[in-house]
Amino acid sequence: MVPNLVTLIGLCGGLASMRFGLRGQFGYGCGALVFAACMDGLDGRLARLLKGTSRFGAEFDSLSDFMCFGIAPSFLLTLWSLPATMHFSLVPCMMFSVCMALRLARFNAALDDDEQPKYAAHFFQGVPAPAGAGLALFPIFVGLEAQANHMAGLLRFAKSPYLAVFCLMATAALLVSTLPVWSFKNFRLPAKAVLPMMVGTGLYIALLVTEPWGALAAAGVIYMAMLPFSRASYWRLRRAAESAHSVPNPDPLADKAP
């Protein structure tokens, strides 16, 4: 029950973001989506911790994700910089939402696949829904940062409809791609990397408190920069697993009964 309530709270955050967008309060709208993303990361962990996972919870979570991360971001971007008079302005928004639905449907179908190799559990196939929403909202993050610091030139760039179209279409392609992306669910760092990671996390939180929109925009850039390393890690693990299976048995009589 508790995980489903958390999912419901996140869904309400996504719905509230569109209300804020209609009132021109894009800061509150993006903040509501960030809140929904936090709830999305929390509900699954609570379900596993409380041993309350269920098929209903998984389906409800996917429907909430589609509303919060498949509909609300394109809706906010339409109000931000895609006027109704612009030719084909509806196309990138529809493509983003359709690709988000396909990505979530593929994820649900993979839940019943018990033949996945062990290393595949550490990766998503394609960019996950909350991260996709964050990448699509990059123009608004940049624009809010420009407004806060009175940077007119950067604000004009962030308001460009071509930037919004590019972010929506590029993110849509990443959502339905087969690119292996770190899931961070069972992510383990080597001992020597723990301290630098903690220091970097502390610095990022400090930046998030002082310049939240700049920090969120920077997070999108950092996330994109990580994708090639994620793919390289996946293929390294895959080659190691394939080579382990292909090692011949040195003793041909070892498998025979005496």
C-alpha atoms as a PDB file:
ATOM      1  CA  MET A   1       0.000   0.000   0.000  1.00  0.00           C
ATOM      2  CA  VAL A   2       2.740   2.472   0.956  1.00  0.00           C
ATOM      3  CA  PRO A   3       4.674   2.185  -2.365  1.00  0.00           C
ATOM      4  CA  ASN A   4       1.452   2.770  -4.312  1.00  0.00           C
ATOM      5  CA  LEU A   5       0.731   5.865  -2.229  1.00  0.00           C
ATOM      6  CA  VAL A   6       4.196   7.178  -3.059  1.00  0.00           C
ATOM      7  CA  THR A   7       3.502   6.529  -6.751  1.00  0.00           C
ATOM      8  CA  LEU A   8       0.196   8.395  -6.419  1.00  0.00           C
ATOM      9  CA  ILE A   9       1.949  11.378  -4.818  1.00  0.00           C
ATOM     10  CA  GLY A  10       4.418  11.455  -7.708  1.00  0.00           C
ATOM     11  CA  LEU A  11       1.545  11.326 -10.201  1.00  0.00           C
ATOM     12  CA  CYS A  12      -0.042  14.325  -8.494  1.00  0.00           C
ATOM     13  CA  GLY A  13       3.270  16.148  -8.855  1.00  0.00           C
ATOM     14  CA  GLY A  14       3.248  15.523 -12.599  1.00  0.00           C
ATOM     15  CA  LEU A  15      -0.315  16.760 -12.918  1.00  0.00           C
ATOM     16  CA  ALA A  16       0.504  19.849 -10.866  1.00  0.00           C
ATOM     17  CA  SER A  17       3.438  20.657 -13.168  1.00  0.00           C
ATOM     18  CA  MET A  18       1.065  21.152 -16.099  1.00  0.00           C
ATOM     19  CA  ARG A  19      -1.134  23.419 -13.987  1.00  0.00           C
ATOM     20  CA  PHE A  20       1.912  25.540 -13.153  1.00  0.00           C
ATOM     21  CA  GLY A  21       2.867  25.619 -16.831  1.00  0.00           C
ATOM     22  CA  LEU A  22      -0.539  26.975 -17.825  1.00  0.00           C
ATOM     23  CA  ARG A  23      -0.035  29.789 -15.304  1.00  0.00           C
ATOM     24  CA  GLY A  24       3.438  30.559 -16.687  1.00  0.00           C
ATOM     25  CA  GLN A  25       5.168  29.353 -13.492  1.00  0.00           C
ATOM     26  CA  PHE A  26       7.753  27.185 -15.206  1.00  0.00           C
ATOM     27  CA  GLY A  27      10.027  27.063 -12.185  1.00  0.00           C
ATOM     28  CA  TYR A  28       7.295  25.482 -10.076  1.00  0.00           C
ATOM     29  CA  GLY A  29       6.358  23.216 -12.987  1.00  0.00           C
ATOM     30  CA  CYS A  30       9.884  21.851 -13.358  1.00  0.00           C
ATOM     31  CA  GLY A  31      10.185  21.578  -9.597  1.00  0.00           C
ATOM     32  CA  ALA A  32       7.026  19.450  -9.504  1.00  0.00           C
ATOM     33  CA  LEU A  33       8.507  17.116 -12.124  1.00  0.00           C
ATOM     34  CA  VAL A  34      11.759  16.824 -10.173  1.00  0.00           C
ATOM     35  CA  PHE A  35       9.640  15.923  -7.140  1.00  0.00           C
ATOM     36  CA  ALA A  36       7.804  13.301  -9.227  1.00  0.00           C
ATOM     37  CA  ALA A  37      11.143  11.840 -10.313  1.00  0.00           C
ATOM     38  CA  CYS A  38      12.217  11.557  -6.667  1.00  0.00           C
ATOM     39  CA  MET A  39       8.975   9.756  -5.835  1.00  0.00           C
ATOM     40  CA  ASP A  40       9.503   7.437  -8.818  1.00  0.00           C
ATOM     41  CA  GLY A  41      12.932   6.497  -7.507  1.00  0.00           C
ATOM     42  CA  LEU A  42      11.553   5.932  -4.024  1.00  0.00           C
ATOM     43  CA  ASP A  43       8.468   3.809  -4.661  1.00  0.00           C
ATOM     44  CA  GLY A  44      10.282   0.851  -6.183  1.00  0.00           C
ATOM     45  CA  ARG A  45      12.864   0.772  -3.411  1.00  0.00           C
ATOM     46  CA  LEU A  46      10.137   0.926  -0.784  1.00  0.00           C
ATOM     47  CA  ALA A  47       8.293  -1.949  -2.462  1.00  0.00           C
ATOM     48  CA  ARG A  48      11.414  -4.119  -2.413  1.00  0.00           C
ATOM     49  CA  LEU A  49      12.254  -3.111   1.156  1.00  0.00           C
ATOM     50  CA  LEU A  50       8.742  -3.823   2.448  1.00  0.00           C
ATOM     51  CA  LYS A  51       8.396  -6.904   0.214  1.00  0.00           C
ATOM     52  CA  GLY A  52       5.289  -5.359  -1.283  1.00  0.00           C
ATOM     53  CA  THR A  53       6.047  -5.708  -4.993  1.00  0.00           C
ATOM     54  CA  SER A  54       3.038  -6.571  -7.128  1.00  0.00           C
ATOM     55  CA  ARG A  55       1.953  -6.546 -10.736  1.00  0.00           C
ATOM     56  CA  PHE A  56      -0.569  -3.823  -9.928  1.00  0.00           C
ATOM     57  CA  GLY A  57       2.181  -1.642  -8.480  1.00  0.00           C
ATOM     58  CA  ALA A  58       4.365  -2.143 -11.554  1.00  0.00           C
ATOM     59  CA  GLU A  59       1.539  -1.227 -13.936  1.00  0.00           C
ATOM     60  CA  PHE A  60       0.475   1.766 -11.834  1.00  0.00           C
ATOM     61  CA  ASP A  61       4.077   2.968 -11.736  1.00  0.00           C
ATOM     62  CA  SER A  62       4.340   2.779 -15.539  1.00  0.00           C
ATOM     63  CA  LEU A  63       1.087   4.701 -16.028  1.00  0.00           C
ATOM     64  CA  SER A  64       2.297   7.354 -13.603  1.00  0.00           C
ATOM     65  CA  ASP A  65       5.645   7.534 -15.408  1.00  0.00           C
ATOM     66  CA  PHE A  66       3.920   8.052 -18.746  1.00  0.00           C
ATOM     67  CA  MET A  67       1.840  10.898 -17.351  1.00  0.00           C
ATOM     68  CA  CYS A  68       4.699  12.599 -15.485  1.00  0.00           C
ATOM     69  CA  PHE A  69       7.585  11.998 -17.885  1.00  0.00           C
ATOM     70  CA  GLY A  70       5.876  11.315 -21.212  1.00  0.00           C
ATOM     71  CA  ILE A  71       3.174  13.999 -21.300  1.00  0.00           C
ATOM     72  CA  ALA A  72       4.121  16.777 -18.882  1.00  0.00           C
ATOM     73  CA  PRO A  73       7.601  17.610 -20.326  1.00  0.00           C
ATOM     74  CA  SER A  74       6.352  18.041 -23.890  1.00  0.00           C
ATOM     75  CA  PHE A  75       3.381  20.029 -22.555  1.00  0.00           C
ATOM     76  CA  LEU A  76       5.691  22.404 -20.669  1.00  0.00           C
ATOM     77  CA  LEU A  77       7.993  22.787 -23.670  1.00  0.00           C
ATOM     78  CA  THR A  78       5.020  23.633 -25.893  1.00  0.00           C
ATOM     79  CA  LEU A  79       4.081  26.443 -23.524  1.00  0.00           C
ATOM     80  CA  TRP A  80       7.721  27.486 -23.152  1.00  0.00           C
ATOM     81  CA  SER A  81       8.877  27.923 -26.738  1.00  0.00           C
ATOM     82  CA  LEU A  82       6.721  26.008 -29.254  1.00  0.00           C
ATOM     83  CA  PRO A  83       3.890  28.332 -30.338  1.00  0.00           C
ATOM     84  CA  ALA A  84       0.780  26.838 -31.864  1.00  0.00           C
ATOM     85  CA  THR A  85       1.368  28.896 -35.016  1.00  0.00           C
ATOM     86  CA  MET A  86       4.708  27.181 -35.680  1.00  0.00           C
ATOM     87  CA  HIS A  87       4.532  24.620 -38.482  1.00  0.00           C
ATOM     88  CA  PHE A  88       4.858  21.007 -37.270  1.00  0.00           C
ATOM     89  CA  SER A  89       5.217  22.114 -33.632  1.00  0.00           C
ATOM     90  CA  LEU A  90       3.017  19.184 -32.592  1.00  0.00           C
ATOM     91  CA  VAL A  91       5.231  16.580 -34.280  1.00  0.00           C
ATOM     92  CA  PRO A  92       8.191  16.551 -31.837  1.00  0.00           C
ATOM     93  CA  CYS A  93       5.831  16.570 -28.847  1.00  0.00           C
ATOM     94  CA  MET A  94       3.893  13.602 -30.216  1.00  0.00           C
ATOM     95  CA  MET A  95       7.078  11.726 -31.094  1.00  0.00           C
ATOM     96  CA  PHE A  96       8.452  12.226 -27.587  1.00  0.00           C
ATOM     97  CA  SER A  97       5.263  10.953 -25.942  1.00  0.00           C
ATOM     98  CA  VAL A  98       4.931   7.997 -28.316  1.00  0.00           C
ATOM     99  CA  CYS A  99       8.549   6.954 -27.773  1.00  0.00           C
ATOM    100  CA  MET A 100       8.104   7.257 -24.012  1.00  0.00           C
ATOM    101  CA  ALA A 101       5.075   4.944 -24.179  1.00  0.00           C
ATOM    102  CA  LEU A 102       7.033   2.427 -26.273  1.00  0.00           C
ATOM    103  CA  ARG A 103       9.966   2.570 -23.875  1.00  0.00           C
ATOM    104  CA  LEU A 104       7.727   1.886 -20.857  1.00  0.00           C
ATOM    105  CA  ALA A 105       5.906  -0.931 -22.661  1.00  0.00           C
ATOM    106  CA  ARG A 106       9.244  -2.551 -23.521  1.00  0.00           C
ATOM    107  CA  PHE A 107      10.324  -2.250 -19.896  1.00  0.00           C
ATOM    108  CA  ASN A 108       7.125  -3.942 -18.677  1.00  0.00           C
ATOM    109  CA  ALA A 109       7.534  -6.750 -21.202  1.00  0.00           C
ATOM    110  CA  ALA A 110      11.099  -7.332 -20.005  1.00  0.00           C
ATOM    111  CA  LEU A 111       9.855  -7.937 -16.442  1.00  0.00           C
ATOM    112  CA  ASP A 112       8.662 -11.391 -17.515  1.00  0.00           C
ATOM    113  CA  ASP A 113      11.959 -12.282 -19.211  1.00  0.00           C
ATOM    114  CA  ASP A 114      13.877 -14.646 -16.938  1.00  0.00           C
ATOM    115  CA  GLU A 115      16.565 -15.423 -19.507  1.00  0.00           C
ATOM    116  CA  GLN A 116      18.484 -12.159 -19.172  1.00  0.00           C
ATOM    117  CA  PRO A 117      22.183 -12.605 -18.345  1.00  0.00           C
ATOM    118  CA  LYS A 118      23.257 -11.600 -14.874  1.00  0.00           C
ATOM    119  CA  TYR A 119      25.229  -8.541 -16.011  1.00  0.00           C
ATOM    120  CA  ALA A 120      22.188  -7.133 -17.860  1.00  0.00           C
ATOM    121  CA  ALA A 121      20.487  -6.402 -14.516  1.00  0.00           C
ATOM    122  CA  HIS A 122      22.864  -3.451 -14.064  1.00  0.00           C
ATOM    123  CA  PHE A 123      21.679  -1.711 -17.244  1.00  0.00           C
ATOM    124  CA  PHE A 124      18.550  -0.204 -18.754  1.00  0.00           C
ATOM    125  CA  GLN A 125      17.791  -0.652 -22.428  1.00  0.00           C
ATOM    126  CA  GLY A 126      17.500   2.927 -23.580  1.00  0.00           C
ATOM    127  CA  VAL A 127      17.381   6.020 -21.405  1.00  0.00           C
ATOM    128  CA  PRO A 128      14.959   5.590 -18.448  1.00  0.00           C
ATOM    129  CA  ALA A 129      11.820   7.711 -18.236  1.00  0.00           C
ATOM    130  CA  PRO A 130      12.835  10.242 -15.516  1.00  0.00           C
ATOM    131  CA  ALA A 131      16.201  10.858 -17.153  1.00  0.00           C
ATOM    132  CA  GLY A 132      14.486  11.301 -20.531  1.00  0.00           C
ATOM    133  CA  ALA A 133      12.180  13.916 -19.043  1.00  0.00           C
ATOM    134  CA  GLY A 134      15.175  15.751 -17.578  1.00  0.00           C
ATOM    135  CA  LEU A 135      16.986  15.765 -20.922  1.00  0.00           C
ATOM    136  CA  ALA A 136      13.879  17.064 -22.719  1.00  0.00           C
ATOM    137  CA  LEU A 137      13.498  19.883 -20.172  1.00  0.00           C
ATOM    138  CA  PHE A 138      17.054  21.117 -20.777  1.00  0.00           C
ATOM    139  CA  PRO A 139      15.872  24.330 -22.579  1.00  0.00           C
ATOM    140  CA  ILE A 140      13.664  25.304 -19.634  1.00  0.00           C
ATOM    141  CA  PHE A 141      16.440  24.642 -17.119  1.00  0.00           C
ATOM    142  CA  VAL A 142      18.802  26.842 -19.122  1.00  0.00           C
ATOM    143  CA  GLY A 143      16.148  29.527 -19.562  1.00  0.00           C
ATOM    144  CA  LEU A 144      15.308  29.654 -15.857  1.00  0.00           C
ATOM    145  CA  GLU A 145      19.002  29.938 -15.036  1.00  0.00           C
ATOM    146  CA  ALA A 146      19.317  32.776 -17.568  1.00  0.00           C
ATOM    147  CA  GLN A 147      16.307  34.557 -16.071  1.00  0.00           C
ATOM    148  CA  ALA A 148      17.710  34.262 -12.564  1.00  0.00           C
ATOM    149  CA  ASN A 149      21.025  35.791 -13.617  1.00  0.00           C
ATOM    150  CA  HIS A 150      19.631  38.307 -16.163  1.00  0.00           C
ATOM    151  CA  MET A 151      21.427  36.801 -19.172  1.00  0.00           C
ATOM    152  CA  ALA A 152      19.334  37.962 -22.107  1.00  0.00           C
ATOM    153  CA  GLY A 153      21.386  36.251 -24.796  1.00  0.00           C
ATOM    154  CA  LEU A 154      21.247  32.866 -23.086  1.00  0.00           C
ATOM    155  CA  LEU A 155      17.510  33.304 -22.520  1.00  0.00           C
ATOM    156  CA  ARG A 156      16.929  33.895 -26.246  1.00  0.00           C
ATOM    157  CA  PHE A 157      18.881  30.711 -26.971  1.00  0.00           C
ATOM    158  CA  ALA A 158      16.831  28.746 -24.423  1.00  0.00           C
ATOM    159  CA  LYS A 159      13.578  30.106 -25.875  1.00  0.00           C
ATOM    160  CA  SER A 160      14.477  29.019 -29.391  1.00  0.00           C
ATOM    161  CA  PRO A 161      11.862  26.574 -30.716  1.00  0.00           C
ATOM    162  CA  TYR A 162      14.589  24.761 -32.646  1.00  0.00           C
ATOM    163  CA  LEU A 163      16.371  23.899 -29.397  1.00  0.00           C
ATOM    164  CA  ALA A 164      13.136  22.490 -27.967  1.00  0.00           C
ATOM    165  CA  VAL A 165      12.528  20.440 -31.130  1.00  0.00           C
ATOM    166  CA  PHE A 166      16.086  19.087 -31.040  1.00  0.00           C
ATOM    167  CA  CYS A 167      15.873  18.106 -27.354  1.00  0.00           C
ATOM    168  CA  LEU A 168      12.512  16.382 -27.818  1.00  0.00           C
ATOM    169  CA  MET A 169      13.526  14.448 -30.921  1.00  0.00           C
ATOM    170  CA  ALA A 170      16.968  13.467 -29.639  1.00  0.00           C
ATOM    171  CA  THR A 171      15.537  12.296 -26.326  1.00  0.00           C
ATOM    172  CA  ALA A 172      12.800  10.361 -28.123  1.00  0.00           C
ATOM    173  CA  ALA A 173      15.485   8.503 -30.089  1.00  0.00           C
ATOM    174  CA  LEU A 174      17.406   7.692 -26.886  1.00  0.00           C
ATOM    175  CA  LEU A 175      14.252   6.390 -25.203  1.00  0.00           C
ATOM    176  CA  VAL A 176      13.547   3.734 -27.836  1.00  0.00           C
ATOM    177  CA  SER A 177      17.173   2.937 -28.573  1.00  0.00           C
ATOM    178  CA  THR A 178      18.879  -0.272 -27.480  1.00  0.00           C
ATOM    179  CA  LEU A 179      21.685   1.700 -25.867  1.00  0.00           C
ATOM    180  CA  PRO A 180      22.718   0.066 -22.564  1.00  0.00           C
ATOM    181  CA  VAL A 181      22.503   2.655 -19.786  1.00  0.00           C
ATOM    182  CA  TRP A 182      23.683   2.208 -16.205  1.00  0.00           C
ATOM    183  CA  SER A 183      20.720   1.665 -13.890  1.00  0.00           C
ATOM    184  CA  PHE A 184      22.615   2.481 -10.650  1.00  0.00           C
ATOM    185  CA  LYS A 185      20.280   0.116  -8.751  1.00  0.00           C
ATOM    186  CA  ASN A 186      23.081  -2.279  -7.823  1.00  0.00           C
ATOM    187  CA  PHE A 187      25.912   0.100  -8.627  1.00  0.00           C
ATOM    188  CA  ARG A 188      29.055  -0.532  -6.589  1.00  0.00           C
ATOM    189  CA  LEU A 189      32.090   1.677  -6.544  1.00  0.00           C
ATOM    190  CA  PRO A 190      35.630   0.496  -5.869  1.00  0.00           C
ATOM    191  CA  ALA A 191      36.890   1.509  -2.442  1.00  0.00           C
ATOM    192  CA  LYS A 192      39.293   4.103  -3.834  1.00  0.00           C
ATOM    193  CA  ALA A 193      36.467   5.895  -5.695  1.00  0.00           C
ATOM    194  CA  VAL A 194      34.121   6.253  -2.704  1.00  0.00           C
ATOM    195  CA  LEU A 195      35.741   9.376  -1.242  1.00  0.00           C
ATOM    196  CA  PRO A 196      35.946  11.299  -4.568  1.00  0.00           C
ATOM    197  CA  MET A 197      32.328  10.357  -5.258  1.00  0.00           C
ATOM    198  CA  MET A 198      31.208  11.663  -1.866  1.00  0.00           C
ATOM    199  CA  VAL A 199      33.131  14.909  -2.369  1.00  0.00           C
ATOM    200  CA  GLY A 200      31.671  15.353  -5.852  1.00  0.00           C
ATOM    201  CA  THR A 201      28.165  14.630  -4.581  1.00  0.00           C
ATOM    202  CA  GLY A 202      28.574  17.211  -1.830  1.00  0.00           C
ATOM    203  CA  LEU A 203      29.767  19.816  -4.327  1.00  0.00           C
ATOM    204  CA  TYR A 204      26.845  19.079  -6.631  1.00  0.00           C
ATOM    205  CA  ILE A 205      24.319  19.390  -3.786  1.00  0.00           C
ATOM    206  CA  ALA A 206      25.862  22.739  -2.845  1.00  0.00           C
ATOM    207  CA  LEU A 207      25.500  23.850  -6.478  1.00  0.00           C
ATOM    208  CA  LEU A 208      21.936  22.520  -6.547  1.00  0.00           C
ATOM    209  CA  VAL A 209      21.033  24.640  -3.521  1.00  0.00           C
ATOM    210  CA  THR A 210      22.651  27.832  -4.814  1.00  0.00           C
ATOM    211  CA  GLU A 211      21.940  27.517  -8.557  1.00  0.00           C
ATOM    212  CA  PRO A 212      19.266  24.810  -8.954  1.00  0.00           C
ATOM    213  CA  TRP A 213      18.465  25.347 -12.632  1.00  0.00           C
ATOM    214  CA  GLY A 214      22.093  25.522 -13.678  1.00  0.00           C
ATOM    215  CA  ALA A 215      22.786  22.368 -11.668  1.00  0.00           C
ATOM    216  CA  LEU A 216      19.915  20.500 -13.348  1.00  0.00           C
ATOM    217  CA  ALA A 217      21.059  21.618 -16.801  1.00  0.00           C
ATOM    218  CA  ALA A 218      24.610  20.514 -15.955  1.00  0.00           C
ATOM    219  CA  ALA A 219      23.265  17.152 -14.773  1.00  0.00           C
ATOM    220  CA  GLY A 220      21.789  16.598 -18.238  1.00  0.00           C
ATOM    221  CA  VAL A 221      25.125  17.354 -19.897  1.00  0.00           C
ATOM    222  CA  ILE A 222      26.971  15.043 -17.492  1.00  0.00           C
ATOM    223  CA  TYR A 223      24.411  12.287 -18.062  1.00  0.00           C
ATOM    224  CA  MET A 224      24.861  12.508 -21.829  1.00  0.00           C
ATOM    225  CA  ALA A 225      28.646  12.382 -21.401  1.00  0.00           C
ATOM    226  CA  MET A 226      28.279   9.173 -19.362  1.00  0.00           C
ATOM    227  CA  LEU A 227      26.393   7.250 -22.060  1.00  0.00           C
ATOM    228  CA  PRO A 228      29.477   6.181 -24.087  1.00  0.00           C
ATOM    229  CA  PHE A 229      31.137   4.897 -20.903  1.00  0.00           C
ATOM    230  CA  SER A 230      27.971   2.986 -20.008  1.00  0.00           C
ATOM    231  CA  ARG A 231      27.936   1.316 -23.409  1.00  0.00           C
ATOM    232  CA  ALA A 232      31.633   0.420 -23.132  1.00  0.00           C
ATOM    233  CA  SER A 233      31.033  -1.079 -19.674  1.00  0.00           C
ATOM    234  CA  TYR A 234      28.160  -3.206 -20.970  1.00  0.00           C
ATOM    235  CA  TRP A 235      30.146  -4.616 -23.867  1.00  0.00           C
ATOM    236  CA  ARG A 236      33.125  -5.317 -21.605  1.00  0.00           C
ATOM    237  CA  LEU A 237      30.911  -7.344 -19.262  1.00  0.00           C
ATOM    238  CA  ARG A 238      29.284  -9.099 -22.209  1.00  0.00           C
ATOM    239  CA  ARG A 239      32.618 -10.113 -23.734  1.00  0.00           C
ATOM    240  CA  ALA A 240      33.819 -11.375 -20.357  1.00  0.00           C
ATOM    241  CA  ALA A 241      30.665 -13.480 -19.934  1.00  0.00           C
ATOM    242  CA  GLU A 242      30.912 -14.900 -23.465  1.00  0.00           C
ATOM    243  CA  SER A 243      34.578 -15.761 -23.045  1.00  0.00           C
ATOM    244  CA  ALA A 244      33.808 -17.512 -19.743  1.00  0.00           C
ATOM    245  CA  HIS A 245      31.184 -19.676 -21.477  1.00  0.00           C
ATOM    246  CA  SER A 246      33.463 -20.459 -24.389  1.00  0.00           C
ATOM    247  CA  VAL A 247      36.391 -21.784 -22.296  1.00  0.00           C
ATOM    248  CA  PRO A 248      36.727 -25.507 -23.162  1.00  0.00           C
ATOM    249  CA  ASN A 249      36.838 -28.135 -20.439  1.00  0.00           C
ATOM    250  CA  PRO A 250      40.508 -29.100 -20.035  1.00  0.00           C
ATOM    251  CA  ASP A 251      39.615 -32.596 -18.859  1.00  0.00           C
ATOM    252  CA  PRO A 252      37.275 -34.363 -21.298  1.00  0.00           C
ATOM    253  CA  LEU A 253      36.638 -37.154 -18.746  1.00  0.00           C
ATOM    254  CA  ALA A 254      35.670 -34.741 -15.964  1.00  0.00           C
ATOM    255  CA  ASP A 255      31.999 -34.758 -16.916  1.00  0.00           C
ATOM    256  CA  LYS A 256      31.772 -38.558 -17.141  1.00  0.00           C
ATOM    257  CA  ALA A 257      30.658 -40.655 -14.241  1.00  0.00           C
ATOM    258  CA  PRO A 258      33.237 -43.169 -12.960  1.00  0.00           C
END
